[in-house]
Amino acid sequence: MRNQEEGKEVLVAPEIKNAMQNTKSSHAEMMSYNSKMIGADVQVVRTKNGTTWRGKVEKVVDEEYFEISKFDNPLETEIVSMYDIRSLSYDTI
């Protein structure tokens, strides 16, 4: 595999090529898995400032972040890390 870098041809080792392809497929798998969250009702727990609120997952931004609309104002959305999201269960309702 050849890679163009600043006008120079760089030869890429087969091990690196395989790692790059695995990274692409794992990214696609993660995005596919995360897309299952779309439409889910969740609780957002902001660990930095200690706030919590409930919302709905609207879309997947990337491997870690989701766009979530707020229950009390569905037109207001925030980008939230998966680490700040909790599923709504009977304990949290």
Protein backbone atom coordinates (compact mmCIF):
# COMPACT_ATOMS: atom_id res chain seq x y z
CA MET A 1 0.00 0.00 0.00
CA ARG A 2 1.30 3.42 -0.90
CA ASN A 3 0.45 6.59 0.95
CA GLN A 4 0.89 10.14 -0.37
CA GLU A 5 2.47 12.45 2.19
CA GLU A 6 3.60 15.96 1.22
CA GLY A 7 4.11 14.90 -2.38
CA LYS A 8 6.30 11.95 -1.42
CA GLU A 9 5.45 8.30 -1.85
CA VAL A 10 5.65 6.40 1.40
CA LEU A 11 5.55 2.62 1.45
CA VAL A 12 3.27 1.30 4.20
CA ALA A 13 4.06 -2.08 5.76
CA PRO A 14 1.38 -4.81 5.44
CA GLU A 15 0.96 -4.90 9.25
CA ILE A 16 0.14 -1.19 9.31
CA LYS A 17 -2.21 -1.60 6.34
CA ASN A 18 -4.09 -4.36 8.20
CA ALA A 19 -4.25 -2.26 11.37
CA MET A 20 -5.66 0.67 9.37
CA GLN A 21 -8.32 -1.55 7.80
CA ASN A 22 -9.22 -3.05 11.21
CA THR A 23 -9.57 0.43 12.65
CA LYS A 24 -11.96 1.40 9.85
CA SER A 25 -14.09 -1.70 10.35
CA SER A 26 -14.14 -1.31 14.15
CA HIS A 27 -15.19 2.34 13.69
CA ALA A 28 -18.07 1.23 11.46
CA GLU A 29 -19.05 -1.48 13.95
CA MET A 30 -19.03 1.02 16.83
CA MET A 31 -21.13 3.52 14.88
CA SER A 32 -23.59 0.76 13.96
CA TYR A 33 -23.82 -0.38 17.56
CA ASN A 34 -24.27 3.18 18.84
CA SER A 35 -27.05 3.81 16.31
CA LYS A 36 -29.19 1.33 18.27
CA MET A 37 -29.44 4.04 20.94
CA ILE A 38 -31.35 6.41 18.64
CA GLY A 39 -34.81 7.01 20.07
CA ALA A 40 -33.89 5.76 23.55
CA ASP A 41 -34.99 7.74 26.60
CA VAL A 42 -31.94 8.42 28.79
CA GLN A 43 -30.78 10.31 31.83
CA VAL A 44 -27.79 12.61 31.38
CA VAL A 45 -25.49 12.94 34.38
CA ARG A 46 -22.96 15.71 33.87
CA THR A 47 -20.10 14.72 36.14
CA LYS A 48 -18.27 18.04 35.73
CA ASN A 49 -21.04 20.24 37.12
CA GLY A 50 -23.26 17.66 38.82
CA THR A 51 -26.42 18.36 36.81
CA THR A 52 -28.83 15.68 35.67
CA TRP A 53 -31.64 15.81 33.13
CA ARG A 54 -33.68 13.46 30.99
CA GLY A 55 -33.81 13.34 27.24
CA LYS A 56 -34.00 11.34 24.07
CA VAL A 57 -31.11 10.23 21.85
CA GLU A 58 -31.60 11.93 18.48
CA LYS A 59 -28.43 10.93 16.61
CA VAL A 60 -24.94 9.52 16.87
CA VAL A 61 -22.25 12.17 16.43
CA ASP A 62 -19.23 9.86 16.53
CA GLU A 63 -17.89 6.85 18.41
CA GLU A 64 -18.31 8.55 21.80
CA TYR A 65 -20.83 11.38 21.47
CA PHE A 66 -24.59 11.53 20.98
CA GLU A 67 -26.97 14.40 20.30
CA ILE A 68 -29.72 14.33 22.93
CA SER A 69 -32.90 16.43 23.07
CA LYS A 70 -34.29 17.46 26.45
CA PHE A 71 -37.68 16.16 27.61
CA ASP A 72 -38.73 19.58 28.93
CA ASN A 73 -37.73 21.34 25.68
CA PRO A 74 -37.34 18.92 22.73
CA LEU A 75 -36.02 21.69 20.45
CA GLU A 76 -33.01 22.12 22.76
CA THR A 77 -30.29 19.54 22.14
CA GLU A 78 -26.86 18.91 23.58
CA ILE A 79 -23.91 16.85 22.47
CA VAL A 80 -23.20 14.38 25.29
CA SER A 81 -20.45 11.84 25.91
CA MET A 82 -21.57 8.22 26.26
CA TYR A 83 -19.94 8.25 29.68
CA ASP A 84 -22.49 10.82 30.89
CA ILE A 85 -25.51 8.81 29.69
CA ARG A 86 -27.55 6.42 31.84
CA SER A 87 -30.44 4.31 30.62
CA LEU A 88 -33.82 5.05 32.12
CA SER A 89 -34.95 2.13 34.21
CA TYR A 90 -37.59 1.68 36.86
CA ASP A 91 -35.04 2.96 39.40
CA THR A 92 -34.49 6.26 37.58
CA ILE A 93 -38.08 7.02 36.54
